[in-house]
């Protein structure tokens, strides 16, 4: 099963969800993609296609980042000062922007990773089967 990150963005709204809840849900999804990009760039500069492929590879091809999500995320991260870029030539001899993590982005990655671990831990607790009385 493959989970393209753009799939979830299209199905965020619900008739019972307030505008604020919709915005928070979109921010959570964008924040997850932002965190994955920052983590990928921790290994060194990369162009957009290489970032998408690295996320796909590291997730055993479960996550696929489409261009329609990747490039707006990269622009958002540049605007926040979390990444920068330099123009260069890709391995197939094409002009490309090579994105690089900034010190501010490195700090933000630590913050986002902490939030993610807290969220994942809370979800894991809910998913664990209930313990029977007397069990350790």
N, C-alpha and C. Protein backbone atom coordinates (compact mmCIF):
# COMPACT_ATOMS: atom_id res chain seq x y z
N UNK A 1 0.84 -1.17 0.00
CA UNK A 1 0.00 0.00 0.00
C UNK A 1 0.89 1.24 0.00
N UNK A 2 0.58 2.18 -0.87
CA UNK A 2 1.35 3.41 -0.99
C UNK A 2 0.49 4.57 -0.50
N UNK A 3 1.09 5.47 0.27
CA UNK A 3 0.38 6.63 0.79
C UNK A 3 0.98 7.90 0.21
N UNK A 4 0.46 8.37 -0.94
CA UNK A 4 0.98 9.65 -1.44
C UNK A 4 0.57 10.75 -0.47
N UNK A 5 1.49 11.60 -0.12
CA UNK A 5 1.19 12.63 0.87
C UNK A 5 0.16 13.62 0.36
N UNK A 6 -0.01 13.74 -0.95
CA UNK A 6 -1.01 14.67 -1.47
C UNK A 6 -2.41 14.09 -1.32
N UNK A 7 -2.55 12.79 -1.25
CA UNK A 7 -3.87 12.16 -1.13
C UNK A 7 -4.62 12.68 0.08
N UNK A 8 -3.93 12.80 1.20
CA UNK A 8 -4.58 13.23 2.42
C UNK A 8 -5.01 14.69 2.36
N UNK A 9 -4.25 15.53 1.69
CA UNK A 9 -4.59 16.95 1.63
C UNK A 9 -5.91 17.16 0.91
N UNK A 10 -6.26 16.29 -0.04
CA UNK A 10 -7.49 16.47 -0.80
C UNK A 10 -8.71 16.07 0.02
N UNK A 11 -8.52 15.29 1.06
CA UNK A 11 -9.64 14.78 1.82
C UNK A 11 -9.64 15.29 3.26
N UNK A 12 -9.26 16.52 3.43
CA UNK A 12 -9.12 17.05 4.78
C UNK A 12 -10.43 17.57 5.35
N UNK A 13 -11.27 18.09 4.53
CA UNK A 13 -12.46 18.74 5.08
C UNK A 13 -13.58 17.73 5.32
N UNK A 14 -14.40 18.10 6.26
CA UNK A 14 -15.56 17.30 6.63
C UNK A 14 -16.68 18.29 6.92
N UNK A 15 -17.92 17.93 6.62
CA UNK A 15 -18.99 18.89 6.86
C UNK A 15 -19.10 19.32 8.31
N UNK A 16 -18.65 18.49 9.25
CA UNK A 16 -18.75 18.82 10.67
C UNK A 16 -17.49 19.48 11.21
N UNK A 17 -16.50 19.71 10.37
CA UNK A 17 -15.23 20.25 10.83
C UNK A 17 -15.23 21.77 10.67
N UNK A 18 -14.80 22.46 11.71
CA UNK A 18 -14.73 23.92 11.63
C UNK A 18 -13.57 24.33 10.74
N UNK A 19 -13.58 25.58 10.33
CA UNK A 19 -12.49 26.10 9.50
C UNK A 19 -11.16 26.00 10.24
N UNK A 20 -11.16 26.29 11.54
CA UNK A 20 -9.94 26.21 12.33
C UNK A 20 -9.43 24.76 12.37
N UNK A 21 -10.34 23.79 12.55
CA UNK A 21 -9.94 22.38 12.58
C UNK A 21 -9.36 21.96 11.23
N UNK A 22 -9.99 22.42 10.14
CA UNK A 22 -9.49 22.10 8.80
C UNK A 22 -8.07 22.66 8.63
N UNK A 23 -7.86 23.90 9.05
CA UNK A 23 -6.55 24.56 8.93
C UNK A 23 -5.51 23.81 9.75
N UNK A 24 -5.86 23.40 10.97
CA UNK A 24 -4.92 22.66 11.82
C UNK A 24 -4.57 21.31 11.22
N UNK A 25 -5.54 20.66 10.61
CA UNK A 25 -5.29 19.36 9.99
C UNK A 25 -4.35 19.51 8.80
N UNK A 26 -4.58 20.53 7.99
CA UNK A 26 -3.69 20.78 6.85
C UNK A 26 -2.29 21.10 7.36
N UNK A 27 -2.19 21.91 8.43
CA UNK A 27 -0.88 22.25 8.99
C UNK A 27 -0.17 21.01 9.50
N UNK A 28 -0.90 20.07 10.10
CA UNK A 28 -0.29 18.83 10.58
C UNK A 28 0.30 18.06 9.41
N UNK A 29 -0.47 17.95 8.32
CA UNK A 29 0.01 17.22 7.16
C UNK A 29 1.19 17.94 6.51
N UNK A 30 1.11 19.27 6.38
CA UNK A 30 2.23 20.01 5.82
C UNK A 30 3.43 19.90 6.75
N UNK A 31 3.20 19.97 8.04
CA UNK A 31 4.28 19.85 9.01
C UNK A 31 4.99 18.52 8.92
N UNK A 32 4.24 17.47 8.64
CA UNK A 32 4.84 16.15 8.48
C UNK A 32 5.73 16.12 7.25
N UNK A 33 5.25 16.65 6.14
CA UNK A 33 6.07 16.70 4.94
C UNK A 33 7.29 17.59 5.16
N UNK A 34 7.09 18.74 5.82
CA UNK A 34 8.21 19.63 6.12
C UNK A 34 9.27 18.90 6.93
N UNK A 35 8.83 18.16 7.94
CA UNK A 35 9.77 17.42 8.79
C UNK A 35 10.53 16.38 7.97
N UNK A 36 9.86 15.68 7.08
CA UNK A 36 10.52 14.67 6.25
C UNK A 36 11.56 15.31 5.32
N UNK A 37 11.22 16.47 4.78
CA UNK A 37 12.17 17.18 3.92
C UNK A 37 13.38 17.63 4.73
N UNK A 38 13.14 18.24 5.89
CA UNK A 38 14.25 18.69 6.74
C UNK A 38 15.14 17.51 7.12
N UNK A 39 14.53 16.39 7.47
CA UNK A 39 15.31 15.20 7.86
C UNK A 39 16.15 14.70 6.69
N UNK A 40 15.57 14.72 5.51
CA UNK A 40 16.30 14.29 4.31
C UNK A 40 17.49 15.20 4.05
N UNK A 41 17.31 16.50 4.22
CA UNK A 41 18.39 17.46 3.97
C UNK A 41 19.45 17.46 5.06
N UNK A 42 19.15 16.81 6.18
CA UNK A 42 20.16 16.66 7.23
C UNK A 42 21.37 15.88 6.70
N UNK A 43 21.14 15.03 5.72
CA UNK A 43 22.20 14.21 5.12
C UNK A 43 23.06 15.00 4.14
N UNK A 44 22.58 16.17 3.71
CA UNK A 44 23.33 17.01 2.78
C UNK A 44 22.42 17.61 1.74
N UNK A 45 22.94 18.55 0.95
CA UNK A 45 22.14 19.23 -0.08
C UNK A 45 21.60 18.24 -1.11
N UNK A 46 20.40 18.56 -1.63
CA UNK A 46 19.79 17.70 -2.66
C UNK A 46 18.81 18.53 -3.47
N UNK A 47 18.58 18.11 -4.71
CA UNK A 47 17.57 18.77 -5.53
C UNK A 47 16.22 18.12 -5.26
N UNK A 48 15.16 18.75 -5.73
CA UNK A 48 13.80 18.32 -5.41
C UNK A 48 13.52 16.86 -5.72
N UNK A 49 13.87 16.43 -6.91
CA UNK A 49 13.60 15.03 -7.30
C UNK A 49 14.33 14.06 -6.37
N UNK A 50 15.55 14.39 -6.00
CA UNK A 50 16.33 13.52 -5.11
C UNK A 50 15.70 13.47 -3.71
N UNK A 51 15.14 14.59 -3.26
CA UNK A 51 14.47 14.62 -1.95
C UNK A 51 13.26 13.68 -1.97
N UNK A 52 12.44 13.80 -3.02
CA UNK A 52 11.25 12.95 -3.15
C UNK A 52 11.65 11.47 -3.20
N UNK A 53 12.67 11.16 -3.97
CA UNK A 53 13.12 9.76 -4.10
C UNK A 53 13.70 9.24 -2.79
N UNK A 54 14.40 10.09 -2.04
CA UNK A 54 14.97 9.67 -0.76
C UNK A 54 13.85 9.33 0.24
N UNK A 55 12.81 10.15 0.28
CA UNK A 55 11.68 9.88 1.18
C UNK A 55 11.00 8.58 0.78
N UNK A 56 10.82 8.39 -0.52
CA UNK A 56 10.22 7.16 -1.02
C UNK A 56 11.08 5.95 -0.64
N UNK A 57 12.37 6.03 -0.85
CA UNK A 57 13.29 4.93 -0.56
C UNK A 57 13.33 4.62 0.93
N UNK A 58 13.49 5.68 1.77
CA UNK A 58 13.62 5.47 3.21
C UNK A 58 12.34 4.94 3.83
N UNK A 59 11.19 5.15 3.18
CA UNK A 59 9.92 4.64 3.70
C UNK A 59 9.55 3.30 3.07
N UNK A 60 10.52 2.65 2.43
CA UNK A 60 10.27 1.39 1.71
C UNK A 60 9.14 1.55 0.70
N UNK A 61 9.12 2.71 0.06
CA UNK A 61 8.17 3.05 -0.99
C UNK A 61 6.72 3.14 -0.50
N UNK A 62 6.53 3.32 0.81
CA UNK A 62 5.19 3.50 1.35
C UNK A 62 4.73 4.94 1.11
N UNK A 63 5.65 5.90 1.26
CA UNK A 63 5.32 7.31 1.05
C UNK A 63 5.85 7.77 -0.30
N UNK A 64 5.01 8.45 -1.03
CA UNK A 64 5.44 9.04 -2.29
C UNK A 64 5.07 10.52 -2.25
N UNK A 65 6.05 11.36 -2.51
CA UNK A 65 5.84 12.80 -2.49
C UNK A 65 5.69 13.28 -3.92
N UNK A 66 4.54 13.82 -4.23
CA UNK A 66 4.28 14.31 -5.57
C UNK A 66 4.77 15.75 -5.70
N UNK A 67 5.09 16.15 -6.92
CA UNK A 67 5.61 17.49 -7.18
C UNK A 67 4.65 18.56 -6.68
N UNK A 68 3.35 18.31 -6.78
CA UNK A 68 2.35 19.27 -6.36
C UNK A 68 2.38 19.54 -4.86
N UNK A 69 2.99 18.66 -4.09
CA UNK A 69 3.16 18.87 -2.65
C UNK A 69 4.59 19.29 -2.33
N UNK A 70 5.55 18.70 -3.03
CA UNK A 70 6.96 18.93 -2.73
C UNK A 70 7.39 20.38 -2.93
N UNK A 71 7.12 20.93 -4.10
CA UNK A 71 7.65 22.26 -4.40
C UNK A 71 6.99 23.37 -3.57
N UNK A 72 5.68 23.31 -3.31
CA UNK A 72 5.13 24.31 -2.37
C UNK A 72 5.76 24.18 -0.97
N UNK A 73 6.05 22.95 -0.56
CA UNK A 73 6.69 22.74 0.75
C UNK A 73 8.10 23.34 0.75
N UNK A 74 8.85 23.12 -0.31
CA UNK A 74 10.20 23.68 -0.40
C UNK A 74 10.16 25.21 -0.35
N UNK A 75 9.21 25.81 -1.07
CA UNK A 75 9.07 27.28 -1.04
C UNK A 75 8.70 27.76 0.36
N UNK A 76 7.82 27.02 1.03
CA UNK A 76 7.42 27.37 2.40
C UNK A 76 8.62 27.32 3.34
N UNK A 77 9.45 26.30 3.19
CA UNK A 77 10.63 26.14 4.05
C UNK A 77 11.67 27.22 3.78
N UNK A 78 11.81 27.64 2.53
CA UNK A 78 12.72 28.74 2.19
C UNK A 78 12.21 30.02 2.84
N UNK A 79 10.92 30.27 2.70
CA UNK A 79 10.32 31.48 3.26
C UNK A 79 10.51 31.56 4.77
N UNK A 80 10.46 30.42 5.44
CA UNK A 80 10.64 30.38 6.90
C UNK A 80 12.11 30.44 7.30
N UNK A 81 13.00 30.32 6.32
CA UNK A 81 14.43 30.37 6.62
C UNK A 81 14.99 29.04 7.11
N UNK A 82 14.25 27.96 6.92
CA UNK A 82 14.68 26.65 7.38
C UNK A 82 15.58 25.95 6.38
N UNK A 83 15.46 26.33 5.10
CA UNK A 83 16.36 25.81 4.07
C UNK A 83 16.77 26.96 3.17
N UNK A 84 17.86 26.76 2.45
CA UNK A 84 18.29 27.70 1.42
C UNK A 84 18.59 26.86 0.18
N UNK A 85 18.96 27.51 -0.90
CA UNK A 85 19.29 26.74 -2.11
C UNK A 85 20.39 27.43 -2.90
N UNK A 86 21.06 26.63 -3.70
CA UNK A 86 22.04 27.11 -4.67
C UNK A 86 21.72 26.45 -5.99
N UNK A 87 21.93 27.19 -7.06
CA UNK A 87 21.69 26.63 -8.39
C UNK A 87 22.90 25.79 -8.79
N UNK A 88 22.61 24.69 -9.46
CA UNK A 88 23.69 23.81 -9.89
C UNK A 88 23.22 22.91 -11.02
N UNK A 89 23.96 21.85 -11.26
CA UNK A 89 23.66 20.89 -12.32
C UNK A 89 23.43 19.52 -11.69
N UNK A 90 22.33 18.89 -12.06
CA UNK A 90 22.00 17.57 -11.51
C UNK A 90 22.85 16.49 -12.17
N UNK A 91 22.69 15.26 -11.66
CA UNK A 91 23.48 14.14 -12.18
C UNK A 91 23.17 13.83 -13.64
N UNK A 92 21.99 14.24 -14.13
CA UNK A 92 21.68 14.01 -15.54
C UNK A 92 21.89 15.29 -16.37
N UNK A 93 22.76 16.17 -15.85
CA UNK A 93 23.23 17.36 -16.55
C UNK A 93 22.12 18.40 -16.81
N UNK A 94 21.18 18.50 -15.91
CA UNK A 94 20.12 19.51 -16.00
C UNK A 94 20.32 20.55 -14.92
N UNK A 95 19.86 21.77 -15.20
CA UNK A 95 19.92 22.81 -14.18
C UNK A 95 18.95 22.45 -13.07
N UNK A 96 19.37 22.68 -11.83
CA UNK A 96 18.53 22.33 -10.68
C UNK A 96 18.89 23.21 -9.50
N UNK A 97 17.93 23.33 -8.59
CA UNK A 97 18.20 23.99 -7.32
C UNK A 97 18.56 22.92 -6.32
N UNK A 98 19.66 23.13 -5.61
CA UNK A 98 20.08 22.20 -4.57
C UNK A 98 19.74 22.83 -3.22
N UNK A 99 18.84 22.18 -2.50
CA UNK A 99 18.34 22.70 -1.24
C UNK A 99 19.24 22.24 -0.10
N UNK A 100 19.39 23.12 0.88
CA UNK A 100 20.32 22.87 1.97
C UNK A 100 19.67 23.30 3.28
N UNK A 101 19.87 22.52 4.32
CA UNK A 101 19.35 22.83 5.65
C UNK A 101 20.13 23.99 6.24
N UNK A 102 19.42 24.96 6.83
CA UNK A 102 20.07 26.08 7.51
C UNK A 102 20.17 25.75 9.01
N UNK A 103 20.98 26.50 9.75
CA UNK A 103 21.01 26.28 11.21
C UNK A 103 19.62 26.41 11.85
N UNK A 104 18.83 27.37 11.38
CA UNK A 104 17.47 27.53 11.88
C UNK A 104 16.63 26.29 11.55
N UNK A 105 16.83 25.74 10.36
CA UNK A 105 16.11 24.53 9.95
C UNK A 105 16.52 23.32 10.78
N UNK A 106 17.79 23.25 11.13
CA UNK A 106 18.29 22.16 11.98
C UNK A 106 17.62 22.20 13.36
N UNK A 107 17.49 23.42 13.90
CA UNK A 107 16.80 23.58 15.20
C UNK A 107 15.33 23.22 15.08
N UNK A 108 14.71 23.64 13.98
CA UNK A 108 13.29 23.33 13.78
C UNK A 108 13.07 21.83 13.61
N UNK A 109 14.00 21.17 12.96
CA UNK A 109 13.89 19.71 12.81
C UNK A 109 13.84 19.04 14.18
N UNK A 110 14.67 19.51 15.10
CA UNK A 110 14.67 18.95 16.46
C UNK A 110 13.31 19.18 17.13
N UNK A 111 12.74 20.37 16.95
CA UNK A 111 11.43 20.68 17.53
C UNK A 111 10.35 19.78 16.93
N UNK A 112 10.33 19.70 15.60
CA UNK A 112 9.31 18.91 14.91
C UNK A 112 9.44 17.42 15.22
N UNK A 113 10.67 16.94 15.33
CA UNK A 113 10.89 15.53 15.65
C UNK A 113 10.36 15.22 17.05
N UNK A 114 10.59 16.13 17.99
CA UNK A 114 10.06 15.96 19.34
C UNK A 114 8.54 15.89 19.35
N UNK A 115 7.91 16.79 18.60
CA UNK A 115 6.44 16.78 18.51
C UNK A 115 5.95 15.48 17.90
N UNK A 116 6.65 15.02 16.85
CA UNK A 116 6.24 13.79 16.17
C UNK A 116 6.34 12.59 17.11
N UNK A 117 7.42 12.49 17.87
CA UNK A 117 7.58 11.37 18.79
C UNK A 117 6.50 11.39 19.87
N UNK A 118 6.13 12.58 20.33
CA UNK A 118 5.07 12.70 21.32
C UNK A 118 3.74 12.24 20.73
N UNK A 119 3.43 12.68 19.52
CA UNK A 119 2.20 12.28 18.85
C UNK A 119 2.18 10.78 18.57
N UNK A 120 3.28 10.25 18.04
CA UNK A 120 3.35 8.82 17.72
C UNK A 120 3.23 7.98 18.99
N UNK A 121 3.82 8.43 20.09
CA UNK A 121 3.72 7.71 21.37
C UNK A 121 2.29 7.69 21.87
N UNK A 122 1.60 8.81 21.74
CA UNK A 122 0.20 8.87 22.18
C UNK A 122 -0.67 7.94 21.35
N UNK A 123 -0.44 7.91 20.06
CA UNK A 123 -1.21 7.01 19.18
C UNK A 123 -0.89 5.57 19.51
N UNK A 124 0.38 5.26 19.74
CA UNK A 124 0.78 3.89 20.08
C UNK A 124 0.11 3.43 21.36
N UNK A 125 -0.01 4.32 22.34
CA UNK A 125 -0.69 3.96 23.59
C UNK A 125 -2.15 3.60 23.34
N UNK A 126 -2.80 4.33 22.48
CA UNK A 126 -4.20 4.06 22.17
C UNK A 126 -4.34 2.73 21.43
N UNK A 127 -3.40 2.44 20.55
CA UNK A 127 -3.48 1.22 19.74
C UNK A 127 -3.11 -0.05 20.51
N UNK A 128 -2.41 0.09 21.63
CA UNK A 128 -2.02 -1.10 22.40
C UNK A 128 -3.28 -1.76 22.96
N UNK A 129 -3.29 -3.10 22.94
CA UNK A 129 -4.46 -3.77 23.52
C UNK A 129 -4.54 -3.47 25.02
N UNK A 130 -5.74 -3.40 25.50
CA UNK A 130 -5.95 -3.12 26.94
C UNK A 130 -5.38 -4.28 27.75
N UNK A 131 -4.73 -3.95 28.85
CA UNK A 131 -4.17 -4.97 29.73
C UNK A 131 -5.28 -5.51 30.63
N UNK A 132 -5.24 -6.79 30.82
CA UNK A 132 -6.18 -7.41 31.74
C UNK A 132 -5.69 -7.18 33.17
N UNK A 133 -6.58 -7.11 34.11
CA UNK A 133 -6.20 -6.89 35.50
C UNK A 133 -5.25 -8.00 35.93
N UNK A 134 -4.17 -7.61 36.59
CA UNK A 134 -3.18 -8.58 37.08
C UNK A 134 -2.04 -8.78 36.12
N UNK A 135 -2.14 -8.32 34.86
CA UNK A 135 -1.03 -8.45 33.89
C UNK A 135 -0.02 -7.34 34.15
N UNK A 136 1.26 -7.62 33.86
CA UNK A 136 2.30 -6.59 34.04
C UNK A 136 2.18 -5.48 33.03
